[in-house]
Amino acid sequence: DVLRCDQRFKEFRGDIILGVGGGRPLDVA
């Protein structure tokens, strides 16, 4: 999940990350 998220973020070229959820999504964020 982390690797996929990192790739997706790079493709999106985001400025900031929001983690919305419990422990797992917050860890990935």
mmCIF file of all heavy atoms, coordinates in Angstrom:
data_MODEL
# 
_entry.id   MODEL 
# 
loop_
_atom_site.group_PDB 
_atom_site.id 
_atom_site.type_symbol 
_atom_site.label_atom_id 
_atom_site.label_alt_id 
_atom_site.label_comp_id 
_atom_site.label_asym_id 
_atom_site.label_entity_id 
_atom_site.label_seq_id 
_atom_site.pdbx_PDB_ins_code 
_atom_site.Cartn_x 
_atom_site.Cartn_y 
_atom_site.Cartn_z 
_atom_site.occupancy 
_atom_site.B_iso_or_equiv 
_atom_site.pdbx_formal_charge 
_atom_site.auth_seq_id 
_atom_site.auth_comp_id 
_atom_site.auth_asym_id 
_atom_site.auth_atom_id 
_atom_site.pdbx_PDB_model_num 
ATOM 1   N N   . ASP A 1 1  ? 0.832   -1.205 0.000   1.00 0.00 ? 1  ASP A N   1 
ATOM 2   C CA  . ASP A 1 1  ? 0.000   0.000  0.000   1.00 0.00 ? 1  ASP A CA  1 
ATOM 3   C C   . ASP A 1 1  ? 0.866   1.254  0.000   1.00 0.00 ? 1  ASP A C   1 
ATOM 4   O O   . ASP A 1 1  ? 0.588   2.227  -0.708  1.00 0.00 ? 1  ASP A O   1 
ATOM 5   C CB  . ASP A 1 1  ? -0.917  0.020  1.231   1.00 0.00 ? 1  ASP A CB  1 
ATOM 6   C CG  . ASP A 1 1  ? -2.309  -0.518 0.933   1.00 0.00 ? 1  ASP A CG  1 
ATOM 7   O OD1 . ASP A 1 1  ? -2.636  -0.709 -0.257  1.00 0.00 ? 1  ASP A OD1 1 
ATOM 8   O OD2 . ASP A 1 1  ? -3.076  -0.741 1.884   1.00 0.00 ? 1  ASP A OD2 1 
ATOM 9   N N   . VAL A 1 2  ? 1.925   1.231  0.803   1.00 0.00 ? 2  VAL A N   1 
ATOM 10  C CA  . VAL A 1 2  ? 2.822   2.386  0.890   1.00 0.00 ? 2  VAL A CA  1 
ATOM 11  C C   . VAL A 1 2  ? 3.476   2.669  -0.460  1.00 0.00 ? 2  VAL A C   1 
ATOM 12  O O   . VAL A 1 2  ? 3.524   3.819  -0.919  1.00 0.00 ? 2  VAL A O   1 
ATOM 13  C CB  . VAL A 1 2  ? 3.898   2.159  1.968   1.00 0.00 ? 2  VAL A CB  1 
ATOM 14  C CG1 . VAL A 1 2  ? 4.930   3.286  1.933   1.00 0.00 ? 2  VAL A CG1 1 
ATOM 15  C CG2 . VAL A 1 2  ? 3.274   2.076  3.355   1.00 0.00 ? 2  VAL A CG2 1 
ATOM 16  N N   . LEU A 1 3  ? 3.968   1.628  -1.107  1.00 0.00 ? 3  LEU A N   1 
ATOM 17  C CA  . LEU A 1 3  ? 4.633   1.807  -2.404  1.00 0.00 ? 3  LEU A CA  1 
ATOM 18  C C   . LEU A 1 3  ? 3.664   2.306  -3.467  1.00 0.00 ? 3  LEU A C   1 
ATOM 19  O O   . LEU A 1 3  ? 4.006   3.183  -4.279  1.00 0.00 ? 3  LEU A O   1 
ATOM 20  C CB  . LEU A 1 3  ? 5.274   0.488  -2.837  1.00 0.00 ? 3  LEU A CB  1 
ATOM 21  C CG  . LEU A 1 3  ? 6.435   0.000  -1.964  1.00 0.00 ? 3  LEU A CG  1 
ATOM 22  C CD1 . LEU A 1 3  ? 6.858   -1.406 -2.355  1.00 0.00 ? 3  LEU A CD1 1 
ATOM 23  C CD2 . LEU A 1 3  ? 7.613   0.965  -2.043  1.00 0.00 ? 3  LEU A CD2 1 
ATOM 24  N N   . ARG A 1 4  ? 2.445   1.763  -3.461  1.00 0.00 ? 4  ARG A N   1 
ATOM 25  C CA  . ARG A 1 4  ? 1.437   2.226  -4.423  1.00 0.00 ? 4  ARG A CA  1 
ATOM 26  C C   . ARG A 1 4  ? 1.043   3.670  -4.148  1.00 0.00 ? 4  ARG A C   1 
ATOM 27  O O   . ARG A 1 4  ? 0.867   4.471  -5.075  1.00 0.00 ? 4  ARG A O   1 
ATOM 28  C CB  . ARG A 1 4  ? 0.197   1.325  -4.375  1.00 0.00 ? 4  ARG A CB  1 
ATOM 29  C CG  . ARG A 1 4  ? 0.395   -0.043 -5.035  1.00 0.00 ? 4  ARG A CG  1 
ATOM 30  C CD  . ARG A 1 4  ? -0.933  -0.744 -5.215  1.00 0.00 ? 4  ARG A CD  1 
ATOM 31  N NE  . ARG A 1 4  ? -1.541  -1.088 -3.937  1.00 0.00 ? 4  ARG A NE  1 
ATOM 32  C CZ  . ARG A 1 4  ? -1.372  -2.244 -3.322  1.00 0.00 ? 4  ARG A CZ  1 
ATOM 33  N NH1 . ARG A 1 4  ? -0.586  -3.170 -3.853  1.00 0.00 ? 4  ARG A NH1 1 
ATOM 34  N NH2 . ARG A 1 4  ? -1.968  -2.488 -2.171  1.00 0.00 ? 4  ARG A NH2 1 
ATOM 35  N N   . CYS A 1 5  ? 0.913   3.998  -2.873  1.00 0.00 ? 5  CYS A N   1 
ATOM 36  C CA  . CYS A 1 5  ? 0.550   5.354  -2.485  1.00 0.00 ? 5  CYS A CA  1 
ATOM 37  C C   . CYS A 1 5  ? 1.625   6.349  -2.899  1.00 0.00 ? 5  CYS A C   1 
ATOM 38  O O   . CYS A 1 5  ? 1.338   7.423  -3.426  1.00 0.00 ? 5  CYS A O   1 
ATOM 39  C CB  . CYS A 1 5  ? 0.320   5.417  -0.971  1.00 0.00 ? 5  CYS A CB  1 
ATOM 40  S SG  . CYS A 1 5  ? -0.283  6.998  -0.359  1.00 0.00 ? 5  CYS A SG  1 
ATOM 41  N N   . ASP A 1 6  ? 2.878   5.983  -2.678  1.00 0.00 ? 6  ASP A N   1 
ATOM 42  C CA  . ASP A 1 6  ? 3.995   6.851  -3.045  1.00 0.00 ? 6  ASP A CA  1 
ATOM 43  C C   . ASP A 1 6  ? 4.011   7.115  -4.546  1.00 0.00 ? 6  ASP A C   1 
ATOM 44  O O   . ASP A 1 6  ? 4.200   8.256  -4.994  1.00 0.00 ? 6  ASP A O   1 
ATOM 45  C CB  . ASP A 1 6  ? 5.300   6.192  -2.605  1.00 0.00 ? 6  ASP A CB  1 
ATOM 46  C CG  . ASP A 1 6  ? 6.520   6.994  -2.998  1.00 0.00 ? 6  ASP A CG  1 
ATOM 47  O OD1 . ASP A 1 6  ? 6.617   8.163  -2.574  1.00 0.00 ? 6  ASP A OD1 1 
ATOM 48  O OD2 . ASP A 1 6  ? 7.371   6.461  -3.731  1.00 0.00 ? 6  ASP A OD2 1 
ATOM 49  N N   . GLN A 1 7  ? 3.790   6.063  -5.348  1.00 0.00 ? 7  GLN A N   1 
ATOM 50  C CA  . GLN A 1 7  ? 3.765   6.219  -6.797  1.00 0.00 ? 7  GLN A CA  1 
ATOM 51  C C   . GLN A 1 7  ? 2.616   7.117  -7.238  1.00 0.00 ? 7  GLN A C   1 
ATOM 52  O O   . GLN A 1 7  ? 2.777   8.001  -8.087  1.00 0.00 ? 7  GLN A O   1 
ATOM 53  C CB  . GLN A 1 7  ? 3.643   4.847  -7.465  1.00 0.00 ? 7  GLN A CB  1 
ATOM 54  C CG  . GLN A 1 7  ? 3.647   4.891  -8.987  1.00 0.00 ? 7  GLN A CG  1 
ATOM 55  C CD  . GLN A 1 7  ? 4.925   5.483  -9.562  1.00 0.00 ? 7  GLN A CD  1 
ATOM 56  O OE1 . GLN A 1 7  ? 6.001   5.296  -8.998  1.00 0.00 ? 7  GLN A OE1 1 
ATOM 57  N NE2 . GLN A 1 7  ? 4.809   6.204  -10.674 1.00 0.00 ? 7  GLN A NE2 1 
ATOM 58  N N   . ARG A 1 8  ? 1.449   6.896  -6.638  1.00 0.00 ? 8  ARG A N   1 
ATOM 59  C CA  . ARG A 1 8  ? 0.267   7.700  -6.979  1.00 0.00 ? 8  ARG A CA  1 
ATOM 60  C C   . ARG A 1 8  ? 0.484   9.170  -6.617  1.00 0.00 ? 8  ARG A C   1 
ATOM 61  O O   . ARG A 1 8  ? 0.106   10.071 -7.363  1.00 0.00 ? 8  ARG A O   1 
ATOM 62  C CB  . ARG A 1 8  ? -0.939  7.130  -6.233  1.00 0.00 ? 8  ARG A CB  1 
ATOM 63  C CG  . ARG A 1 8  ? -2.229  7.890  -6.406  1.00 0.00 ? 8  ARG A CG  1 
ATOM 64  C CD  . ARG A 1 8  ? -2.978  7.494  -7.673  1.00 0.00 ? 8  ARG A CD  1 
ATOM 65  N NE  . ARG A 1 8  ? -4.346  7.946  -7.517  1.00 0.00 ? 8  ARG A NE  1 
ATOM 66  C CZ  . ARG A 1 8  ? -5.339  7.190  -7.038  1.00 0.00 ? 8  ARG A CZ  1 
ATOM 67  N NH1 . ARG A 1 8  ? -5.112  5.915  -6.702  1.00 0.00 ? 8  ARG A NH1 1 
ATOM 68  N NH2 . ARG A 1 8  ? -6.563  7.668  -6.918  1.00 0.00 ? 8  ARG A NH2 1 
ATOM 69  N N   . PHE A 1 9  ? 1.110   9.404  -5.459  1.00 0.00 ? 9  PHE A N   1 
ATOM 70  C CA  . PHE A 1 9  ? 1.368   10.782 -5.041  1.00 0.00 ? 9  PHE A CA  1 
ATOM 71  C C   . PHE A 1 9  ? 2.307   11.486 -6.020  1.00 0.00 ? 9  PHE A C   1 
ATOM 72  O O   . PHE A 1 9  ? 2.102   12.648 -6.368  1.00 0.00 ? 9  PHE A O   1 
ATOM 73  C CB  . PHE A 1 9  ? 1.973   10.807 -3.635  1.00 0.00 ? 9  PHE A CB  1 
ATOM 74  C CG  . PHE A 1 9  ? 2.309   12.188 -3.152  1.00 0.00 ? 9  PHE A CG  1 
ATOM 75  C CD1 . PHE A 1 9  ? 1.331   12.999 -2.601  1.00 0.00 ? 9  PHE A CD1 1 
ATOM 76  C CD2 . PHE A 1 9  ? 3.607   12.687 -3.255  1.00 0.00 ? 9  PHE A CD2 1 
ATOM 77  C CE1 . PHE A 1 9  ? 1.631   14.283 -2.161  1.00 0.00 ? 9  PHE A CE1 1 
ATOM 78  C CE2 . PHE A 1 9  ? 3.909   13.967 -2.827  1.00 0.00 ? 9  PHE A CE2 1 
ATOM 79  C CZ  . PHE A 1 9  ? 2.924   14.765 -2.271  1.00 0.00 ? 9  PHE A CZ  1 
ATOM 80  N N   . LYS A 1 10 ? 3.342   10.772 -6.439  1.00 0.00 ? 10 LYS A N   1 
ATOM 81  C CA  . LYS A 1 10 ? 4.290   11.363 -7.383  1.00 0.00 ? 10 LYS A CA  1 
ATOM 82  C C   . LYS A 1 10 ? 3.622   11.688 -8.712  1.00 0.00 ? 10 LYS A C   1 
ATOM 83  O O   . LYS A 1 10 ? 3.912   12.718 -9.345  1.00 0.00 ? 10 LYS A O   1 
ATOM 84  C CB  . LYS A 1 10 ? 5.472   10.412 -7.596  1.00 0.00 ? 10 LYS A CB  1 
ATOM 85  C CG  . LYS A 1 10 ? 6.446   10.343 -6.420  1.00 0.00 ? 10 LYS A CG  1 
ATOM 86  C CD  . LYS A 1 10 ? 7.561   9.363  -6.687  1.00 0.00 ? 10 LYS A CD  1 
ATOM 87  C CE  . LYS A 1 10 ? 8.695   9.497  -5.673  1.00 0.00 ? 10 LYS A CE  1 
ATOM 88  N NZ  . LYS A 1 10 ? 8.297   9.268  -4.298  1.00 0.00 ? 10 LYS A NZ  1 
ATOM 89  N N   . GLU A 1 11 ? 2.729   10.823 -9.151  1.00 0.00 ? 11 GLU A N   1 
ATOM 90  C CA  . GLU A 1 11 ? 2.009   11.068 -10.405 1.00 0.00 ? 11 GLU A CA  1 
ATOM 91  C C   . GLU A 1 11 ? 1.078   12.273 -10.280 1.00 0.00 ? 11 GLU A C   1 
ATOM 92  O O   . GLU A 1 11 ? 0.927   13.063 -11.206 1.00 0.00 ? 11 GLU A O   1 
ATOM 93  C CB  . GLU A 1 11 ? 1.206   9.833  -10.796 1.00 0.00 ? 11 GLU A CB  1 
ATOM 94  C CG  . GLU A 1 11 ? 2.077   8.638  -11.188 1.00 0.00 ? 11 GLU A CG  1 
ATOM 95  C CD  . GLU A 1 11 ? 1.288   7.362  -11.350 1.00 0.00 ? 11 GLU A CD  1 
ATOM 96  O OE1 . GLU A 1 11 ? 0.061   7.379  -11.072 1.00 0.00 ? 11 GLU A OE1 1 
ATOM 97  O OE2 . GLU A 1 11 ? 1.886   6.326  -11.731 1.00 0.00 ? 11 GLU A OE2 1 
ATOM 98  N N   . PHE A 1 12 ? 0.466   12.412 -9.111  1.00 0.00 ? 12 PHE A N   1 
ATOM 99  C CA  . PHE A 1 12 ? -0.455  13.533 -8.868  1.00 0.00 ? 12 PHE A CA  1 
ATOM 100 C C   . PHE A 1 12 ? 0.296   14.842 -8.654  1.00 0.00 ? 12 PHE A C   1 
ATOM 101 O O   . PHE A 1 12 ? -0.230  15.923 -8.908  1.00 0.00 ? 12 PHE A O   1 
ATOM 102 C CB  . PHE A 1 12 ? -1.327  13.216 -7.650  1.00 0.00 ? 12 PHE A CB  1 
ATOM 103 C CG  . PHE A 1 12 ? -2.284  14.305 -7.264  1.00 0.00 ? 12 PHE A CG  1 
ATOM 104 C CD1 . PHE A 1 12 ? -3.318  14.691 -8.112  1.00 0.00 ? 12 PHE A CD1 1 
ATOM 105 C CD2 . PHE A 1 12 ? -2.160  14.950 -6.034  1.00 0.00 ? 12 PHE A CD2 1 
ATOM 106 C CE1 . PHE A 1 12 ? -4.210  15.702 -7.741  1.00 0.00 ? 12 PHE A CE1 1 
ATOM 107 C CE2 . PHE A 1 12 ? -3.044  15.954 -5.662  1.00 0.00 ? 12 PHE A CE2 1 
ATOM 108 C CZ  . PHE A 1 12 ? -4.072  16.324 -6.514  1.00 0.00 ? 12 PHE A CZ  1 
ATOM 109 N N   . ARG A 1 13 ? 1.540   14.745 -8.170  1.00 0.00 ? 13 ARG A N   1 
ATOM 110 C CA  . ARG A 1 13 ? 2.364   15.908 -7.843  1.00 0.00 ? 13 ARG A CA  1 
ATOM 111 C C   . ARG A 1 13 ? 1.670   16.779 -6.799  1.00 0.00 ? 13 ARG A C   1 
ATOM 112 O O   . ARG A 1 13 ? 1.455   17.980 -6.988  1.00 0.00 ? 13 ARG A O   1 
ATOM 113 C CB  . ARG A 1 13 ? 2.702   16.715 -9.106  1.00 0.00 ? 13 ARG A CB  1 
ATOM 114 C CG  . ARG A 1 13 ? 3.483   15.941 -10.142 1.00 0.00 ? 13 ARG A CG  1 
ATOM 115 C CD  . ARG A 1 13 ? 4.063   16.845 -11.207 1.00 0.00 ? 13 ARG A CD  1 
ATOM 116 N NE  . ARG A 1 13 ? 3.039   17.654 -11.870 1.00 0.00 ? 13 ARG A NE  1 
ATOM 117 C CZ  . ARG A 1 13 ? 2.293   17.245 -12.875 1.00 0.00 ? 13 ARG A CZ  1 
ATOM 118 N NH1 . ARG A 1 13 ? 2.451   16.019 -13.355 1.00 0.00 ? 13 ARG A NH1 1 
ATOM 119 N NH2 . ARG A 1 13 ? 1.401   18.044 -13.426 1.00 0.00 ? 13 ARG A NH2 1 
ATOM 120 N N   . GLY A 1 14 ? 1.336   16.140 -5.676  1.00 0.00 ? 14 GLY A N   1 
ATOM 121 C CA  . GLY A 1 14 ? 0.624   16.840 -4.611  1.00 0.00 ? 14 GLY A CA  1 
ATOM 122 C C   . GLY A 1 14 ? 1.503   17.780 -3.810  1.00 0.00 ? 14 GLY A C   1 
ATOM 123 O O   . GLY A 1 14 ? 2.736   17.690 -3.833  1.00 0.00 ? 14 GLY A O   1 
ATOM 124 N N   . ASP A 1 15 ? 0.850   18.681 -3.099  1.00 0.00 ? 15 ASP A N   1 
ATOM 125 C CA  . ASP A 1 15 ? 1.544   19.654 -2.258  1.00 0.00 ? 15 ASP A CA  1 
ATOM 126 C C   . ASP A 1 15 ? 1.515   19.272 -0.779  1.00 0.00 ? 15 ASP A C   1 
ATOM 127 O O   . ASP A 1 15 ? 2.413   19.640 -0.030  1.00 0.00 ? 15 ASP A O   1 
ATOM 128 C CB  . ASP A 1 15 ? 0.894   21.041 -2.407  1.00 0.00 ? 15 ASP A CB  1 
ATOM 129 C CG  . ASP A 1 15 ? 1.007   21.581 -3.821  1.00 0.00 ? 15 ASP A CG  1 
ATOM 130 O OD1 . ASP A 1 15 ? 2.111   21.498 -4.394  1.00 0.00 ? 15 ASP A OD1 1 
ATOM 131 O OD2 . ASP A 1 15 ? -0.011  22.072 -4.356  1.00 0.00 ? 15 ASP A OD2 1 
ATOM 132 N N   . ILE A 1 16 ? 0.484   18.573 -0.373  1.00 0.00 ? 16 ILE A N   1 
ATOM 133 C CA  . ILE A 1 16 ? 0.310   18.221 1.031   1.00 0.00 ? 16 ILE A CA  1 
ATOM 134 C C   . ILE A 1 16 ? -0.524  16.944 1.122   1.00 0.00 ? 16 ILE A C   1 
ATOM 135 O O   . ILE A 1 16 ? -1.304  16.642 0.206   1.00 0.00 ? 16 ILE A O   1 
ATOM 136 C CB  . ILE A 1 16 ? -0.371  19.375 1.811   1.00 0.00 ? 16 ILE A CB  1 
ATOM 137 C CG1 . ILE A 1 16 ? -0.299  19.133 3.320   1.00 0.00 ? 16 ILE A CG1 1 
ATOM 138 C CG2 . ILE A 1 16 ? -1.803  19.582 1.350   1.00 0.00 ? 16 ILE A CG2 1 
ATOM 139 C CD1 . ILE A 1 16 ? -0.683  20.345 4.139   1.00 0.00 ? 16 ILE A CD1 1 
ATOM 140 N N   . ILE A 1 17 ? -0.339  16.188 2.192   1.00 0.00 ? 17 ILE A N   1 
ATOM 141 C CA  . ILE A 1 17 ? -1.049  14.918 2.347   1.00 0.00 ? 17 ILE A CA  1 
ATOM 142 C C   . ILE A 1 17 ? -1.977  14.975 3.558   1.00 0.00 ? 17 ILE A C   1 
ATOM 143 O O   . ILE A 1 17 ? -1.574  15.410 4.644   1.00 0.00 ? 17 ILE A O   1 
ATOM 144 C CB  . ILE A 1 17 ? -0.058  13.753 2.502   1.00 0.00 ? 17 ILE A CB  1 
ATOM 145 C CG1 . ILE A 1 17 ? 0.717   13.551 1.196   1.00 0.00 ? 17 ILE A CG1 1 
ATOM 146 C CG2 . ILE A 1 17 ? -0.779  12.465 2.898   1.00 0.00 ? 17 ILE A CG2 1 
ATOM 147 C CD1 . ILE A 1 17 ? 1.774   12.468 1.259   1.00 0.00 ? 17 ILE A CD1 1 
ATOM 148 N N   . LEU A 1 18 ? -3.203  14.545 3.355   1.00 0.00 ? 18 LEU A N   1 
ATOM 149 C CA  . LEU A 1 18 ? -4.168  14.382 4.433   1.00 0.00 ? 18 LEU A CA  1 
ATOM 150 C C   . LEU A 1 18 ? -4.385  12.899 4.677   1.00 0.00 ? 18 LEU A C   1 
ATOM 151 O O   . LEU A 1 18 ? -4.647  12.147 3.740   1.00 0.00 ? 18 LEU A O   1 
ATOM 152 C CB  . LEU A 1 18 ? -5.524  15.016 4.063   1.00 0.00 ? 18 LEU A CB  1 
ATOM 153 C CG  . LEU A 1 18 ? -5.817  16.441 4.523   1.00 0.00 ? 18 LEU A CG  1 
ATOM 154 C CD1 . LEU A 1 18 ? -4.862  17.403 3.830   1.00 0.00 ? 18 LEU A CD1 1 
ATOM 155 C CD2 . LEU A 1 18 ? -7.254  16.813 4.225   1.00 0.00 ? 18 LEU A CD2 1 
ATOM 156 N N   . GLY A 1 19 ? -4.272  12.474 5.931   1.00 0.00 ? 19 GLY A N   1 
ATOM 157 C CA  . GLY A 1 19 ? -4.624  11.108 6.292   1.00 0.00 ? 19 GLY A CA  1 
ATOM 158 C C   . GLY A 1 19 ? -5.976  11.127 6.966   1.00 0.00 ? 19 GLY A C   1 
ATOM 159 O O   . GLY A 1 19 ? -6.145  11.773 8.001   1.00 0.00 ? 19 GLY A O   1 
ATOM 160 N N   . VAL A 1 20 ? -6.953  10.450 6.379   1.00 0.00 ? 20 VAL A N   1 
ATOM 161 C CA  . VAL A 1 20 ? -8.312  10.423 6.928   1.00 0.00 ? 20 VAL A CA  1 
ATOM 162 C C   . VAL A 1 20 ? -8.671  8.979  7.257   1.00 0.00 ? 20 VAL A C   1 
ATOM 163 O O   . VAL A 1 20 ? -8.822  8.155  6.354   1.00 0.00 ? 20 VAL A O   1 
ATOM 164 C CB  . VAL A 1 20 ? -9.343  11.011 5.936   1.00 0.00 ? 20 VAL A CB  1 
ATOM 165 C CG1 . VAL A 1 20 ? -10.750 10.960 6.533   1.00 0.00 ? 20 VAL A CG1 1 
ATOM 166 C CG2 . VAL A 1 20 ? -8.981  12.443 5.561   1.00 0.00 ? 20 VAL A CG2 1 
ATOM 167 N N   . GLY A 1 21 ? -8.765  8.643  8.538   1.00 0.00 ? 21 GLY A N   1 
ATOM 168 C CA  . GLY A 1 21 ? -9.120  7.280  8.886   1.00 0.00 ? 21 GLY A CA  1 
ATOM 169 C C   . GLY A 1 21 ? -8.521  6.850  10.204  1.00 0.00 ? 21 GLY A C   1 
ATOM 170 O O   . GLY A 1 21 ? -8.192  7.667  11.068  1.00 0.00 ? 21 GLY A O   1 
ATOM 171 N N   . GLY A 1 22 ? -8.363  5.519  10.353  1.00 0.00 ? 22 GLY A N   1 
ATOM 172 C CA  . GLY A 1 22 ? -7.763  4.945  11.551  1.00 0.00 ? 22 GLY A CA  1 
ATOM 173 C C   . GLY A 1 22 ? -6.273  4.766  11.374  1.00 0.00 ? 22 GLY A C   1 
ATOM 174 O O   . GLY A 1 22 ? -5.634  5.440  10.561  1.00 0.00 ? 22 GLY A O   1 
ATOM 175 N N   . GLY A 1 23 ? -5.696  3.815  12.104  1.00 0.00 ? 23 GLY A N   1 
ATOM 176 C CA  . GLY A 1 23 ? -4.257  3.659  12.136  1.00 0.00 ? 23 GLY A CA  1 
ATOM 177 C C   . GLY A 1 23 ? -3.598  3.370  10.807  1.00 0.00 ? 23 GLY A C   1 
ATOM 178 O O   . GLY A 1 23 ? -2.560  3.943  10.474  1.00 0.00 ? 23 GLY A O   1 
ATOM 179 N N   . ARG A 1 24 ? -4.179  2.473  10.009  1.00 0.00 ? 24 ARG A N   1 
ATOM 180 C CA  . ARG A 1 24 ? -3.527  2.058  8.765   1.00 0.00 ? 24 ARG A CA  1 
ATOM 181 C C   . ARG A 1 24 ? -3.389  3.186  7.750   1.00 0.00 ? 24 ARG A C   1 
ATOM 182 O O   . ARG A 1 24 ? -2.283  3.451  7.267   1.00 0.00 ? 24 ARG A O   1 
ATOM 183 C CB  . ARG A 1 24 ? -4.270  0.867  8.170   1.00 0.00 ? 24 ARG A CB  1 
ATOM 184 C CG  . ARG A 1 24 ? -4.137  -0.397 9.012   1.00 0.00 ? 24 ARG A CG  1 
ATOM 185 C CD  . ARG A 1 24 ? -4.948  -1.536 8.455   1.00 0.00 ? 24 ARG A CD  1 
ATOM 186 N NE  . ARG A 1 24 ? -4.838  -2.724 9.290   1.00 0.00 ? 24 ARG A NE  1 
ATOM 187 C CZ  . ARG A 1 24 ? -5.485  -3.862 9.068   1.00 0.00 ? 24 ARG A CZ  1 
ATOM 188 N NH1 . ARG A 1 24 ? -6.299  -3.957 8.037   1.00 0.00 ? 24 ARG A NH1 1 
ATOM 189 N NH2 . ARG A 1 24 ? -5.325  -4.889 9.876   1.00 0.00 ? 24 ARG A NH2 1 
ATOM 190 N N   . PRO A 1 25 ? -4.465  3.874  7.389   1.00 0.00 ? 25 PRO A N   1 
ATOM 191 C CA  . PRO A 1 25 ? -4.293  4.980  6.431   1.00 0.00 ? 25 PRO A CA  1 
ATOM 192 C C   . PRO A 1 25 ? -3.433  6.111  6.966   1.00 0.00 ? 25 PRO A C   1 
ATOM 193 O O   . PRO A 1 25 ? -2.692  6.745  6.202   1.00 0.00 ? 25 PRO A O   1 
ATOM 194 C CB  . PRO A 1 25 ? -5.729  5.441  6.146   1.00 0.00 ? 25 PRO A CB  1 
ATOM 195 C CG  . PRO A 1 25 ? -6.563  4.873  7.230   1.00 0.00 ? 25 PRO A CG  1 
ATOM 196 C CD  . PRO A 1 25 ? -5.888  3.617  7.672   1.00 0.00 ? 25 PRO A CD  1 
ATOM 197 N N   . LEU A 1 26 ? -3.485  6.353  8.274   1.00 0.00 ? 26 LEU A N   1 
ATOM 198 C CA  . LEU A 1 26 ? -2.643  7.407  8.836   1.00 0.00 ? 26 LEU A CA  1 
ATOM 199 C C   . LEU A 1 26 ? -1.172  7.021  8.737   1.00 0.00 ? 26 LEU A C   1 
ATOM 200 O O   . LEU A 1 26 ? -0.317  7.866  8.445   1.00 0.00 ? 26 LEU A O   1 
ATOM 201 C CB  . LEU A 1 26 ? -3.022  7.683  10.293  1.00 0.00 ? 26 LEU A CB  1 
ATOM 202 C CG  . LEU A 1 26 ? -4.421  8.267  10.547  1.00 0.00 ? 26 LEU A CG  1 
ATOM 203 C CD1 . LEU A 1 26 ? -4.565  8.651  12.023  1.00 0.00 ? 26 LEU A CD1 1 
ATOM 204 C CD2 . LEU A 1 26 ? -4.714  9.462  9.661   1.00 0.00 ? 26 LEU A CD2 1 
ATOM 205 N N   . ASP A 1 27 ? -0.854  5.748  8.963   1.00 0.00 ? 27 ASP A N   1 
ATOM 206 C CA  . ASP A 1 27 ? 0.529   5.280  8.807   1.00 0.00 ? 27 ASP A CA  1 
ATOM 207 C C   . ASP A 1 27 ? 1.019   5.461  7.378   1.00 0.00 ? 27 ASP A C   1 
ATOM 208 O O   . ASP A 1 27 ? 2.135   5.924  7.137   1.00 0.00 ? 27 ASP A O   1 
ATOM 209 C CB  . ASP A 1 27 ? 0.631   3.798  9.187   1.00 0.00 ? 27 ASP A CB  1 
ATOM 210 C CG  . ASP A 1 27 ? 0.709   3.575  10.687  1.00 0.00 ? 27 ASP A CG  1 
ATOM 211 O OD1 . ASP A 1 27 ? 0.823   4.569  11.434  1.00 0.00 ? 27 ASP A OD1 1 
ATOM 212 O OD2 . ASP A 1 27 ? 0.655   2.406  11.116  1.00 0.00 ? 27 ASP A OD2 1 
ATOM 213 N N   . VAL A 1 28 ? 0.186   5.068  6.427   1.00 0.00 ? 28 VAL A N   1 
ATOM 214 C CA  . VAL A 1 28 ? 0.558   5.185  5.010   1.00 0.00 ? 28 VAL A CA  1 
ATOM 215 C C   . VAL A 1 28 ? 0.753   6.650  4.635   1.00 0.00 ? 28 VAL A C   1 
ATOM 216 O O   . VAL A 1 28 ? 1.693   7.006  3.905   1.00 0.00 ? 28 VAL A O   1 
ATOM 217 C CB  . VAL A 1 28 ? -0.501  4.511  4.111   1.00 0.00 ? 28 VAL A CB  1 
ATOM 218 C CG1 . VAL A 1 28 ? -0.195  4.768  2.632   1.00 0.00 ? 28 VAL A CG1 1 
ATOM 219 C CG2 . VAL A 1 28 ? -0.552  3.009  4.377   1.00 0.00 ? 28 VAL A CG2 1 
ATOM 220 N N   . ALA A 1 29 ? -0.120  7.507  5.146   1.00 0.00 ? 29 ALA A N   1 
ATOM 221 C CA  . ALA A 1 29 ? 0.004   8.939  4.865   1.00 0.00 ? 29 ALA A CA  1 
ATOM 222 C C   . ALA A 1 29 ? 1.298   9.498  5.448   1.00 0.00 ? 29 ALA A C   1 
ATOM 223 O O   . ALA A 1 29 ? 2.010   10.284 4.803   1.00 0.00 ? 29 ALA A O   1 
ATOM 224 C CB  . ALA A 1 29 ? -1.198  9.689  5.439   1.00 0.00 ? 29 ALA A CB  1 
# 
